[in-house]
Amino acid sequence: MIREAGKTRPVGALRRRLLLEAPVETPDGAGGRLTGFETVAAVWAQVEWLSGNERWRGERPEQAASHRITLRWRAGVDAGQRLRDGDQVFDIHAVGDPDGGRRRLVCLVEEVSR
């Protein structure tokens, strides 16, 4: 068991293997830049669904789901990066260390299905 901010969490709670990806820009040959992503690390995480909705973007419906992803603390995880599990992509919107103990990071993310 792991104690965290007044809660006890089983060690096996971090059982999903996700890839942490960071944006990389490359020239597009016409004076602009293309943004792609490269893998930074593989991390063990717990993924919890929070909410979902449907919205219209460019006259097309898309479904968006908010999740909380908890992983072991590591430096360099920021909004703008993303986590991936196969075809599932989670855009990171906020990152926090809930108790300041550098044991866990909580990422608030959005998974968008188009």
PDB file of N, CA and C in Angstrom:
ATOM      1  N   MET A   1       0.820  -1.183   0.000  1.00  0.00           N
ATOM      2  CA  MET A   1       0.000   0.000   0.000  1.00  0.00           C
ATOM      3  C   MET A   1       0.868   1.253   0.000  1.00  0.00           C
ATOM      4  N   ILE A   2       0.380   2.271  -0.666  1.00  0.00           N
ATOM      5  CA  ILE A   2       1.061   3.556  -0.727  1.00  0.00           C
ATOM      6  C   ILE A   2       0.148   4.597  -0.102  1.00  0.00           C
ATOM      7  N   ARG A   3       0.677   5.381   0.853  1.00  0.00           N
ATOM      8  CA  ARG A   3      -0.097   6.455   1.471  1.00  0.00           C
ATOM      9  C   ARG A   3       0.090   7.722   0.648  1.00  0.00           C
ATOM     10  N   GLU A   4      -1.011   8.371   0.347  1.00  0.00           N
ATOM     11  CA  GLU A   4      -0.949   9.600  -0.432  1.00  0.00           C
ATOM     12  C   GLU A   4      -2.066  10.528  -0.015  1.00  0.00           C
ATOM     13  N   ALA A   5      -1.717  11.666   0.566  1.00  0.00           N
ATOM     14  CA  ALA A   5      -2.670  12.714   0.930  1.00  0.00           C
ATOM     15  C   ALA A   5      -3.880  12.141   1.663  1.00  0.00           C
ATOM     16  N   GLY A   6      -3.632  11.318   2.675  1.00  0.00           N
ATOM     17  CA  GLY A   6      -4.716  10.780   3.490  1.00  0.00           C
ATOM     18  C   GLY A   6      -5.415   9.570   2.912  1.00  0.00           C
ATOM     19  N   LYS A   7      -4.980   9.098   1.753  1.00  0.00           N
ATOM     20  CA  LYS A   7      -5.599   7.933   1.125  1.00  0.00           C
ATOM     21  C   LYS A   7      -4.581   6.809   1.030  1.00  0.00           C
ATOM     22  N   THR A   8      -5.075   5.594   1.044  1.00  0.00           N
ATOM     23  CA  THR A   8      -4.213   4.446   0.814  1.00  0.00           C
ATOM     24  C   THR A   8      -4.536   3.912  -0.567  1.00  0.00           C
ATOM     25  N   ARG A   9      -3.512   3.760  -1.389  1.00  0.00           N
ATOM     26  CA  ARG A   9      -3.688   3.329  -2.773  1.00  0.00           C
ATOM     27  C   ARG A   9      -2.871   2.057  -2.970  1.00  0.00           C
ATOM     28  N   PRO A  10      -3.472   0.987  -3.484  1.00  0.00           N
ATOM     29  CA  PRO A  10      -2.701  -0.231  -3.710  1.00  0.00           C
ATOM     30  C   PRO A  10      -1.586   0.001  -4.730  1.00  0.00           C
ATOM     31  N   VAL A  11      -0.457  -0.660  -4.513  1.00  0.00           N
ATOM     32  CA  VAL A  11       0.689  -0.519  -5.407  1.00  0.00           C
ATOM     33  C   VAL A  11       0.297  -0.872  -6.838  1.00  0.00           C
ATOM     34  N   GLY A  12      -0.563  -1.849  -7.030  1.00  0.00           N
ATOM     35  CA  GLY A  12      -0.976  -2.285  -8.364  1.00  0.00           C
ATOM     36  C   GLY A  12      -1.941  -1.357  -9.067  1.00  0.00           C
ATOM     37  N   ALA A  13      -2.301  -0.215  -8.466  1.00  0.00           N
ATOM     38  CA  ALA A  13      -3.237   0.710  -9.102  1.00  0.00           C
ATOM     39  C   ALA A  13      -2.655   1.305 -10.387  1.00  0.00           C
ATOM     40  N   LEU A  14      -1.343   1.421 -10.470  1.00  0.00           N
ATOM     41  CA  LEU A  14      -0.690   1.956 -11.670  1.00  0.00           C
ATOM     42  C   LEU A  14      -0.396   0.791 -12.609  1.00  0.00           C
ATOM     43  N   ARG A  15      -1.436   0.329 -13.308  1.00  0.00           N
ATOM     44  CA  ARG A  15      -1.269  -0.897 -14.088  1.00  0.00           C
ATOM     45  C   ARG A  15      -1.400  -0.705 -15.603  1.00  0.00           C
ATOM     46  N   ARG A  16      -1.609   0.521 -16.061  1.00  0.00           N
ATOM     47  CA  ARG A  16      -1.647   0.761 -17.510  1.00  0.00           C
ATOM     48  C   ARG A  16      -0.331   1.365 -17.956  1.00  0.00           C
ATOM     49  N   ARG A  17       0.227   0.813 -19.004  1.00  0.00           N
ATOM     50  CA  ARG A  17       1.498   1.296 -19.552  1.00  0.00           C
ATOM     51  C   ARG A  17       1.170   2.321 -20.634  1.00  0.00           C
ATOM     52  N   LEU A  18       1.541   3.572 -20.403  1.00  0.00           N
ATOM     53  CA  LEU A  18       1.281   4.656 -21.347  1.00  0.00           C
ATOM     54  C   LEU A  18       2.599   5.209 -21.862  1.00  0.00           C
ATOM     55  N   LEU A  19       2.552   5.792 -23.044  1.00  0.00           N
ATOM     56  CA  LEU A  19       3.710   6.481 -23.596  1.00  0.00           C
ATOM     57  C   LEU A  19       3.527   7.970 -23.398  1.00  0.00           C
ATOM     58  N   LEU A  20       4.530   8.629 -22.826  1.00  0.00           N
ATOM     59  CA  LEU A  20       4.536  10.078 -22.689  1.00  0.00           C
ATOM     60  C   LEU A  20       5.162  10.639 -23.958  1.00  0.00           C
ATOM     61  N   GLU A  21       4.450  11.552 -24.628  1.00  0.00           N
ATOM     62  CA  GLU A  21       4.925  12.116 -25.884  1.00  0.00           C
ATOM     63  C   GLU A  21       5.016  13.637 -25.781  1.00  0.00           C
ATOM     64  N   ALA A  22       6.052  14.200 -26.376  1.00  0.00           N
ATOM     65  CA  ALA A  22       6.262  15.650 -26.379  1.00  0.00           C
ATOM     66  C   ALA A  22       6.181  16.162 -27.814  1.00  0.00           C
ATOM     67  N   PRO A  23       5.665  17.400 -27.983  1.00  0.00           N
ATOM     68  CA  PRO A  23       5.569  17.959 -29.339  1.00  0.00           C
ATOM     69  C   PRO A  23       6.944  18.280 -29.914  1.00  0.00           C
ATOM     70  N   VAL A  24       7.078  18.064 -31.222  1.00  0.00           N
ATOM     71  CA  VAL A  24       8.307  18.369 -31.958  1.00  0.00           C
ATOM     72  C   VAL A  24       7.893  19.094 -33.234  1.00  0.00           C
ATOM     73  N   GLU A  25       8.493  20.253 -33.471  1.00  0.00           N
ATOM     74  CA  GLU A  25       8.179  21.006 -34.684  1.00  0.00           C
ATOM     75  C   GLU A  25       9.250  20.783 -35.744  1.00  0.00           C
ATOM     76  N   THR A  26       8.804  20.656 -37.002  1.00  0.00           N
ATOM     77  CA  THR A  26       9.722  20.516 -38.130  1.00  0.00           C
ATOM     78  C   THR A  26       9.277  21.477 -39.222  1.00  0.00           C
ATOM     79  N   PRO A  27      10.209  21.987 -40.014  1.00  0.00           N
ATOM     80  CA  PRO A  27       9.836  22.880 -41.115  1.00  0.00           C
ATOM     81  C   PRO A  27       8.972  22.140 -42.139  1.00  0.00           C
ATOM     82  N   ASP A  28       7.982  22.859 -42.687  1.00  0.00           N
ATOM     83  CA  ASP A  28       7.112  22.218 -43.684  1.00  0.00           C
ATOM     84  C   ASP A  28       7.552  22.483 -45.117  1.00  0.00           C
ATOM     85  N   GLY A  29       8.657  23.240 -45.299  1.00  0.00           N
ATOM     86  CA  GLY A  29       9.167  23.511 -46.637  1.00  0.00           C
ATOM     87  C   GLY A  29       8.550  24.736 -47.284  1.00  0.00           C
ATOM     88  N   ALA A  30       7.525  25.310 -46.659  1.00  0.00           N
ATOM     89  CA  ALA A  30       6.867  26.499 -47.214  1.00  0.00           C
ATOM     90  C   ALA A  30       6.943  27.666 -46.234  1.00  0.00           C
ATOM     91  N   GLY A  31       7.899  27.607 -45.314  1.00  0.00           N
ATOM     92  CA  GLY A  31       8.069  28.683 -44.349  1.00  0.00           C
ATOM     93  C   GLY A  31       7.304  28.486 -43.048  1.00  0.00           C
ATOM     94  N   GLY A  32       6.517  27.448 -42.975  1.00  0.00           N
ATOM     95  CA  GLY A  32       5.754  27.157 -41.748  1.00  0.00           C
ATOM     96  C   GLY A  32       6.357  25.996 -40.988  1.00  0.00           C
ATOM     97  N   ARG A  33       5.622  25.534 -40.010  1.00  0.00           N
ATOM     98  CA  ARG A  33       6.116  24.416 -39.200  1.00  0.00           C
ATOM     99  C   ARG A  33       4.996  23.395 -39.011  1.00  0.00           C
ATOM    100  N   LEU A  34       5.394  22.139 -38.988  1.00  0.00           N
ATOM    101  CA  LEU A  34       4.482  21.035 -38.692  1.00  0.00           C
ATOM    102  C   LEU A  34       4.785  20.532 -37.294  1.00  0.00           C
ATOM    103  N   THR A  35       3.738  20.221 -36.548  1.00  0.00           N
ATOM    104  CA  THR A  35       3.940  19.695 -35.199  1.00  0.00           C
ATOM    105  C   THR A  35       3.624  18.205 -35.185  1.00  0.00           C
ATOM    106  N   GLY A  36       4.602  17.434 -34.742  1.00  0.00           N
ATOM    107  CA  GLY A  36       4.434  15.999 -34.541  1.00  0.00           C
ATOM    108  C   GLY A  36       4.758  15.690 -33.090  1.00  0.00           C
ATOM    109  N   PHE A  37       4.754  14.438 -32.732  1.00  0.00           N
ATOM    110  CA  PHE A  37       5.051  14.044 -31.361  1.00  0.00           C
ATOM    111  C   PHE A  37       6.079  12.933 -31.359  1.00  0.00           C
ATOM    112  N   GLU A  38       6.986  12.969 -30.375  1.00  0.00           N
ATOM    113  CA  GLU A  38       7.958  11.889 -30.204  1.00  0.00           C
ATOM    114  C   GLU A  38       7.832  11.340 -28.789  1.00  0.00           C
ATOM    115  N   THR A  39       8.099  10.058 -28.641  1.00  0.00           N
ATOM    116  CA  THR A  39       8.007   9.399 -27.345  1.00  0.00           C
ATOM    117  C   THR A  39       9.167   9.820 -26.458  1.00  0.00           C
ATOM    118  N   VAL A  40       8.825  10.236 -25.239  1.00  0.00           N
ATOM    119  CA  VAL A  40       9.814  10.655 -24.251  1.00  0.00           C
ATOM    120  C   VAL A  40      10.095   9.529 -23.269  1.00  0.00           C
ATOM    121  N   ALA A  41       9.031   8.823 -22.848  1.00  0.00           N
ATOM    122  CA  ALA A  41       9.177   7.768 -21.841  1.00  0.00           C
ATOM    123  C   ALA A  41       7.947   6.871 -21.860  1.00  0.00           C
ATOM    124  N   ALA A  42       8.110   5.676 -21.316  1.00  0.00           N
ATOM    125  CA  ALA A  42       6.983   4.784 -21.041  1.00  0.00           C
ATOM    126  C   ALA A  42       6.755   4.838 -19.532  1.00  0.00           C
ATOM    127  N   VAL A  43       5.506   5.028 -19.118  1.00  0.00           N
ATOM    128  CA  VAL A  43       5.189   5.194 -17.696  1.00  0.00           C
ATOM    129  C   VAL A  43       4.031   4.279 -17.307  1.00  0.00           C
ATOM    130  N   TRP A  44       4.023   3.866 -16.045  1.00  0.00           N
ATOM    131  CA  TRP A  44       2.895   3.118 -15.497  1.00  0.00           C
ATOM    132  C   TRP A  44       1.922   4.125 -14.911  1.00  0.00           C
ATOM    133  N   ALA A  45       0.617   3.930 -15.159  1.00  0.00           N
ATOM    134  CA  ALA A  45      -0.364   4.924 -14.755  1.00  0.00           C
ATOM    135  C   ALA A  45      -1.699   4.297 -14.387  1.00  0.00           C
ATOM    136  N   GLN A  46      -2.494   5.090 -13.680  1.00  0.00           N
ATOM    137  CA  GLN A  46      -3.882   4.751 -13.394  1.00  0.00           C
ATOM    138  C   GLN A  46      -4.738   5.756 -14.144  1.00  0.00           C
ATOM    139  N   VAL A  47      -5.707   5.294 -14.932  1.00  0.00           N
ATOM    140  CA  VAL A  47      -6.569   6.160 -15.728  1.00  0.00           C
ATOM    141  C   VAL A  47      -7.977   6.089 -15.153  1.00  0.00           C
ATOM    142  N   GLU A  48      -8.521   7.258 -14.799  1.00  0.00           N
ATOM    143  CA  GLU A  48      -9.873   7.346 -14.244  1.00  0.00           C
ATOM    144  C   GLU A  48     -10.709   8.271 -15.112  1.00  0.00           C
ATOM    145  N   TRP A  49     -11.863   7.785 -15.561  1.00  0.00           N
ATOM    146  CA  TRP A  49     -12.770   8.577 -16.374  1.00  0.00           C
ATOM    147  C   TRP A  49     -13.478   9.580 -15.476  1.00  0.00           C
ATOM    148  N   LEU A  50     -13.586  10.845 -15.916  1.00  0.00           N
ATOM    149  CA  LEU A  50     -14.262  11.875 -15.135  1.00  0.00           C
ATOM    150  C   LEU A  50     -15.583  12.306 -15.761  1.00  0.00           C
ATOM    151  N   SER A  51     -15.574  12.681 -17.047  1.00  0.00           N
ATOM    152  CA  SER A  51     -16.804  13.137 -17.700  1.00  0.00           C
ATOM    153  C   SER A  51     -16.630  13.059 -19.207  1.00  0.00           C
ATOM    154  N   GLY A  52     -17.741  13.235 -19.907  1.00  0.00           N
ATOM    155  CA  GLY A  52     -17.700  13.216 -21.357  1.00  0.00           C
ATOM    156  C   GLY A  52     -18.746  14.137 -21.944  1.00  0.00           C
ATOM    157  N   ASN A  53     -18.521  14.547 -23.188  1.00  0.00           N
ATOM    158  CA  ASN A  53     -19.507  15.361 -23.890  1.00  0.00           C
ATOM    159  C   ASN A  53     -19.299  15.229 -25.385  1.00  0.00           C
ATOM    160  N   GLU A  54     -20.255  15.776 -26.130  1.00  0.00           N
ATOM    161  CA  GLU A  54     -20.141  15.812 -27.582  1.00  0.00           C
ATOM    162  C   GLU A  54     -20.152  17.268 -27.994  1.00  0.00           C
ATOM    163  N   ARG A  55     -19.327  17.612 -28.966  1.00  0.00           N
ATOM    164  CA  ARG A  55     -19.290  18.984 -29.464  1.00  0.00           C
ATOM    165  C   ARG A  55     -19.077  18.948 -30.969  1.00  0.00           C
ATOM    166  N   TRP A  56     -19.307  20.078 -31.589  1.00  0.00           N
ATOM    167  CA  TRP A  56     -19.129  20.182 -33.039  1.00  0.00           C
ATOM    168  C   TRP A  56     -17.873  20.978 -33.322  1.00  0.00           C
ATOM    169  N   ARG A  57     -17.055  20.460 -34.196  1.00  0.00           N
ATOM    170  CA  ARG A  57     -15.848  21.154 -34.623  1.00  0.00           C
ATOM    171  C   ARG A  57     -15.750  21.000 -36.136  1.00  0.00           C
ATOM    172  N   GLY A  58     -15.735  22.135 -36.845  1.00  0.00           N
ATOM    173  CA  GLY A  58     -15.644  22.091 -38.303  1.00  0.00           C
ATOM    174  C   GLY A  58     -16.809  21.346 -38.925  1.00  0.00           C
ATOM    175  N   GLU A  59     -18.004  21.543 -38.396  1.00  0.00           N
ATOM    176  CA  GLU A  59     -19.237  20.904 -38.864  1.00  0.00           C
ATOM    177  C   GLU A  59     -19.207  19.383 -38.755  1.00  0.00           C
ATOM    178  N   ARG A  60     -18.379  18.895 -37.838  1.00  0.00           N
ATOM    179  CA  ARG A  60     -18.323  17.451 -37.561  1.00  0.00           C
ATOM    180  C   ARG A  60     -18.459  17.238 -36.069  1.00  0.00           C
ATOM    181  N   PRO A  61     -19.230  16.224 -35.667  1.00  0.00           N
ATOM    182  CA  PRO A  61     -19.309  15.953 -34.230  1.00  0.00           C
ATOM    183  C   PRO A  61     -18.059  15.214 -33.752  1.00  0.00           C
ATOM    184  N   GLU A  62     -17.643  15.516 -32.545  1.00  0.00           N
ATOM    185  CA  GLU A  62     -16.563  14.759 -31.926  1.00  0.00           C
ATOM    186  C   GLU A  62     -16.934  14.536 -30.466  1.00  0.00           C
ATOM    187  N   GLN A  63     -16.495  13.423 -29.945  1.00  0.00           N
ATOM    188  CA  GLN A  63     -16.732  13.107 -28.546  1.00  0.00           C
ATOM    189  C   GLN A  63     -15.458  13.391 -27.768  1.00  0.00           C
ATOM    190  N   ALA A  64     -15.627  14.049 -26.619  1.00  0.00           N
ATOM    191  CA  ALA A  64     -14.485  14.365 -25.768  1.00  0.00           C
ATOM    192  C   ALA A  64     -14.749  13.795 -24.383  1.00  0.00           C
ATOM    193  N   ALA A  65     -13.755  13.155 -23.815  1.00  0.00           N
ATOM    194  CA  ALA A  65     -13.873  12.591 -22.467  1.00  0.00           C
ATOM    195  C   ALA A  65     -12.727  13.125 -21.615  1.00  0.00           C
ATOM    196  N   SER A  66     -13.066  13.569 -20.408  1.00  0.00           N
ATOM    197  CA  SER A  66     -12.053  14.039 -19.466  1.00  0.00           C
ATOM    198  C   SER A  66     -11.647  12.888 -18.558  1.00  0.00           C
ATOM    199  N   HIS A  67     -10.365  12.799 -18.299  1.00  0.00           N
ATOM    200  CA  HIS A  67      -9.824  11.756 -17.437  1.00  0.00           C
ATOM    201  C   HIS A  67      -8.840  12.360 -16.442  1.00  0.00           C
ATOM    202  N   ARG A  68      -8.621  11.645 -15.362  1.00  0.00           N
ATOM    203  CA  ARG A  68      -7.533  11.949 -14.426  1.00  0.00           C
ATOM    204  C   ARG A  68      -6.558  10.791 -14.549  1.00  0.00           C
ATOM    205  N   ILE A  69      -5.312  11.100 -14.868  1.00  0.00           N
ATOM    206  CA  ILE A  69      -4.285  10.067 -15.002  1.00  0.00           C
ATOM    207  C   ILE A  69      -3.235  10.316 -13.925  1.00  0.00           C
ATOM    208  N   THR A  70      -3.017   9.299 -13.096  1.00  0.00           N
ATOM    209  CA  THR A  70      -2.037   9.373 -12.014  1.00  0.00           C
ATOM    210  C   THR A  70      -0.845   8.506 -12.383  1.00  0.00           C
ATOM    211  N   LEU A  71       0.347   9.081 -12.240  1.00  0.00           N
ATOM    212  CA  LEU A  71       1.570   8.328 -12.506  1.00  0.00           C
ATOM    213  C   LEU A  71       2.614   8.667 -11.455  1.00  0.00           C
ATOM    214  N   ARG A  72       3.666   7.887 -11.419  1.00  0.00           N
ATOM    215  CA  ARG A  72       4.755   8.193 -10.492  1.00  0.00           C
ATOM    216  C   ARG A  72       5.370   9.527 -10.867  1.00  0.00           C
ATOM    217  N   TRP A  73       5.833  10.272  -9.872  1.00  0.00           N
ATOM    218  CA  TRP A  73       6.376  11.605 -10.115  1.00  0.00           C
ATOM    219  C   TRP A  73       7.579  11.523 -11.031  1.00  0.00           C
ATOM    220  N   ARG A  74       7.639  12.446 -11.964  1.00  0.00           N
ATOM    221  CA  ARG A  74       8.802  12.601 -12.827  1.00  0.00           C
ATOM    222  C   ARG A  74       8.840  14.050 -13.280  1.00  0.00           C
ATOM    223  N   ALA A  75      10.037  14.571 -13.418  1.00  0.00           N
ATOM    224  CA  ALA A  75      10.212  15.948 -13.868  1.00  0.00           C
ATOM    225  C   ALA A  75       9.909  16.038 -15.361  1.00  0.00           C
ATOM    226  N   GLY A  76       9.500  17.221 -15.809  1.00  0.00           N
ATOM    227  CA  GLY A  76       9.363  17.474 -17.234  1.00  0.00           C
ATOM    228  C   GLY A  76       8.029  17.123 -17.847  1.00  0.00           C
ATOM    229  N   VAL A  77       7.020  16.780 -17.057  1.00  0.00           N
ATOM    230  CA  VAL A  77       5.693  16.507 -17.600  1.00  0.00           C
ATOM    231  C   VAL A  77       4.913  17.819 -17.550  1.00  0.00           C
ATOM    232  N   ASP A  78       4.424  18.283 -18.715  1.00  0.00           N
ATOM    233  CA  ASP A  78       3.779  19.585 -18.816  1.00  0.00           C
ATOM    234  C   ASP A  78       2.528  19.524 -19.679  1.00  0.00           C
ATOM    235  N   ALA A  79       1.686  20.547 -19.510  1.00  0.00           N
ATOM    236  CA  ALA A  79       0.553  20.728 -20.419  1.00  0.00           C
ATOM    237  C   ALA A  79       1.121  20.909 -21.821  1.00  0.00           C
ATOM    238  N   GLY A  80       0.419  20.388 -22.817  1.00  0.00           N
ATOM    239  CA  GLY A  80       0.911  20.441 -24.192  1.00  0.00           C
ATOM    240  C   GLY A  80       1.514  19.119 -24.631  1.00  0.00           C
ATOM    241  N   GLN A  81       1.930  18.305 -23.670  1.00  0.00           N
ATOM    242  CA  GLN A  81       2.376  16.958 -23.998  1.00  0.00           C
ATOM    243  C   GLN A  81       1.137  16.057 -24.048  1.00  0.00           C
ATOM    244  N   ARG A  82       1.356  14.800 -24.319  1.00  0.00           N
ATOM    245  CA  ARG A  82       0.230  13.873 -24.321  1.00  0.00           C
ATOM    246  C   ARG A  82       0.673  12.497 -23.863  1.00  0.00           C
ATOM    247  N   LEU A  83      -0.324  11.695 -23.491  1.00  0.00           N
ATOM    248  CA  LEU A  83      -0.103  10.301 -23.111  1.00  0.00           C
ATOM    249  C   LEU A  83      -0.844   9.443 -24.117  1.00  0.00           C
ATOM    250  N   ARG A  84      -0.262   8.299 -24.471  1.00  0.00           N
ATOM    251  CA  ARG A  84      -0.857   7.435 -25.490  1.00  0.00           C
ATOM    252  C   ARG A  84      -0.918   5.996 -24.987  1.00  0.00           C
ATOM    253  N   ASP A  85      -2.048   5.363 -25.284  1.00  0.00           N
ATOM    254  CA  ASP A  85      -2.226   3.931 -25.057  1.00  0.00           C
ATOM    255  C   ASP A  85      -2.779   3.356 -26.353  1.00  0.00           C
ATOM    256  N   GLY A  86      -1.893   2.929 -27.237  1.00  0.00           N
ATOM    257  CA  GLY A  86      -2.317   2.434 -28.547  1.00  0.00           C
ATOM    258  C   GLY A  86      -2.954   3.559 -29.347  1.00  0.00           C
ATOM    259  N   ASP A  87      -4.230   3.386 -29.731  1.00  0.00           N
ATOM    260  CA  ASP A  87      -4.949   4.408 -30.488  1.00  0.00           C
ATOM    261  C   ASP A  87      -5.548   5.488 -29.598  1.00  0.00           C
ATOM    262  N   GLN A  88      -5.580   5.270 -28.291  1.00  0.00           N
ATOM    263  CA  GLN A  88      -6.109   6.279 -27.371  1.00  0.00           C
ATOM    264  C   GLN A  88      -5.051   7.336 -27.116  1.00  0.00           C
ATOM    265  N   VAL A  89      -5.416   8.590 -27.339  1.00  0.00           N
ATOM    266  CA  VAL A  89      -4.501   9.707 -27.108  1.00  0.00           C
ATOM    267  C   VAL A  89      -5.142  10.644 -26.093  1.00  0.00           C
ATOM    268  N   PHE A  90      -4.383  10.981 -25.059  1.00  0.00           N
ATOM    269  CA  PHE A  90      -4.850  11.852 -23.988  1.00  0.00           C
ATOM    270  C   PHE A  90      -4.019  13.136 -24.012  1.00  0.00           C
ATOM    271  N   ASP A  91      -4.637  14.266 -24.383  1.00  0.00           N
ATOM    272  CA  ASP A  91      -3.951  15.559 -24.377  1.00  0.00           C
ATOM    273  C   ASP A  91      -3.886  16.065 -22.940  1.00  0.00           C
ATOM    274  N   ILE A  92      -2.696  16.410 -22.467  1.00  0.00           N
ATOM    275  CA  ILE A  92      -2.517  16.879 -21.092  1.00  0.00           C
ATOM    276  C   ILE A  92      -2.858  18.370 -21.031  1.00  0.00           C
ATOM    277  N   HIS A  93      -3.791  18.724 -20.133  1.00  0.00           N
ATOM    278  CA  HIS A  93      -4.195  20.121 -19.936  1.00  0.00           C
ATOM    279  C   HIS A  93      -3.630  20.712 -18.651  1.00  0.00           C
ATOM    280  N   ALA A  94      -3.431  19.900 -17.626  1.00  0.00           N
ATOM    281  CA  ALA A  94      -2.893  20.392 -16.350  1.00  0.00           C
ATOM    282  C   ALA A  94      -2.166  19.253 -15.655  1.00  0.00           C
ATOM    283  N   VAL A  95      -1.103  19.605 -14.916  1.00  0.00           N
ATOM    284  CA  VAL A  95      -0.299  18.632 -14.189  1.00  0.00           C
ATOM    285  C   VAL A  95      -0.070  19.163 -12.785  1.00  0.00           C
ATOM    286  N   GLY A  96      -0.238  18.296 -11.779  1.00  0.00           N
ATOM    287  CA  GLY A  96      -0.005  18.738 -10.407  1.00  0.00           C
ATOM    288  C   GLY A  96       0.557  17.632  -9.536  1.00  0.00           C
ATOM    289  N   ASP A  97       1.278  18.045  -8.508  1.00  0.00           N
ATOM    290  CA  ASP A  97       1.810  17.161  -7.473  1.00  0.00           C
ATOM    291  C   ASP A  97       0.918  17.395  -6.255  1.00  0.00           C
ATOM    292  N   PRO A  98      -0.084  16.537  -6.012  1.00  0.00           N
ATOM    293  CA  PRO A  98      -1.134  16.846  -5.040  1.00  0.00           C
ATOM    294  C   PRO A  98      -0.650  17.150  -3.625  1.00  0.00           C
ATOM    295  N   ASP A  99       0.359  16.463  -3.146  1.00  0.00           N
ATOM    296  CA  ASP A  99       0.802  16.703  -1.768  1.00  0.00           C
ATOM    297  C   ASP A  99       2.199  17.320  -1.698  1.00  0.00           C
ATOM    298  N   GLY A 100       2.793  17.636  -2.849  1.00  0.00           N
ATOM    299  CA  GLY A 100       4.116  18.251  -2.879  1.00  0.00           C
ATOM    300  C   GLY A 100       5.247  17.318  -2.498  1.00  0.00           C
ATOM    301  N   GLY A 101       4.955  16.027  -2.371  1.00  0.00           N
ATOM    302  CA  GLY A 101       5.958  15.062  -1.924  1.00  0.00           C
ATOM    303  C   GLY A 101       6.767  14.404  -3.023  1.00  0.00           C
ATOM    304  N   ARG A 102       6.539  14.806  -4.278  1.00  0.00           N
ATOM    305  CA  ARG A 102       7.252  14.211  -5.412  1.00  0.00           C
ATOM    306  C   ARG A 102       7.129  12.692  -5.455  1.00  0.00           C
ATOM    307  N   ARG A 103       5.923  12.212  -5.131  1.00  0.00           N
ATOM    308  CA  ARG A 103       5.652  10.777  -5.232  1.00  0.00           C
ATOM    309  C   ARG A 103       4.741  10.473  -6.411  1.00  0.00           C
ATOM    310  N   ARG A 104       3.763  11.332  -6.640  1.00  0.00           N
ATOM    311  CA  ARG A 104       2.773  11.123  -7.694  1.00  0.00           C
ATOM    312  C   ARG A 104       2.559  12.408  -8.477  1.00  0.00           C
ATOM    313  N   LEU A 105       2.203  12.257  -9.756  1.00  0.00           N
ATOM    314  CA  LEU A 105       1.730  13.366 -10.578  1.00  0.00           C
ATOM    315  C   LEU A 105       0.307  13.054 -10.993  1.00  0.00           C
ATOM    316  N   VAL A 106      -0.539  14.044 -10.921  1.00  0.00           N
ATOM    317  CA  VAL A 106      -1.905  13.904 -11.395  1.00  0.00           C
ATOM    318  C   VAL A 106      -2.043  14.785 -12.627  1.00  0.00           C
ATOM    319  N   CYS A 107      -2.436  14.169 -13.735  1.00  0.00           N
ATOM    320  CA  CYS A 107      -2.613  14.881 -14.997  1.00  0.00           C
ATOM    321  C   CYS A 107      -4.103  14.922 -15.326  1.00  0.00           C
ATOM    322  N   LEU A 108      -4.621  16.108 -15.595  1.00  0.00           N
ATOM    323  CA  LEU A 108      -5.976  16.252 -16.096  1.00  0.00           C
ATOM    324  C   LEU A 108      -5.868  16.296 -17.604  1.00  0.00           C
ATOM    325  N   VAL A 109      -6.551  15.352 -18.257  1.00  0.00           N
ATOM    326  CA  VAL A 109      -6.383  15.159 -19.694  1.00  0.00           C
ATOM    327  C   VAL A 109      -7.727  15.087 -20.388  1.00  0.00           C
ATOM    328  N   GLU A 110      -7.661  15.207 -21.717  1.00  0.00           N
ATOM    329  CA  GLU A 110      -8.849  15.059 -22.542  1.00  0.00           C
ATOM    330  C   GLU A 110      -8.539  14.078 -23.665  1.00  0.00           C
ATOM    331  N   GLU A 111      -9.423  13.119 -23.818  1.00  0.00           N
ATOM    332  CA  GLU A 111      -9.337  12.165 -24.933  1.00  0.00           C
ATOM    333  C   GLU A 111     -10.388  12.562 -25.950  1.00  0.00           C
ATOM    334  N   VAL A 112      -9.979  12.811 -27.182  1.00  0.00           N
ATOM    335  CA  VAL A 112     -10.917  13.234 -28.215  1.00  0.00           C
ATOM    336  C   VAL A 112     -11.016  12.157 -29.281  1.00  0.00           C
ATOM    337  N   SER A 113     -12.245  11.766 -29.592  1.00  0.00           N
ATOM    338  CA  SER A 113     -12.489  10.783 -30.655  1.00  0.00           C
ATOM    339  C   SER A 113     -13.158  11.506 -31.815  1.00  0.00           C
ATOM    340  N   ARG A 114     -12.544  11.404 -32.987  1.00  0.00           N
ATOM    341  CA  ARG A 114     -13.090  12.097 -34.161  1.00  0.00           C
ATOM    342  C   ARG A 114     -13.623  11.115 -35.155  1.00  0.00           C
TER     343      ARG A 114
END
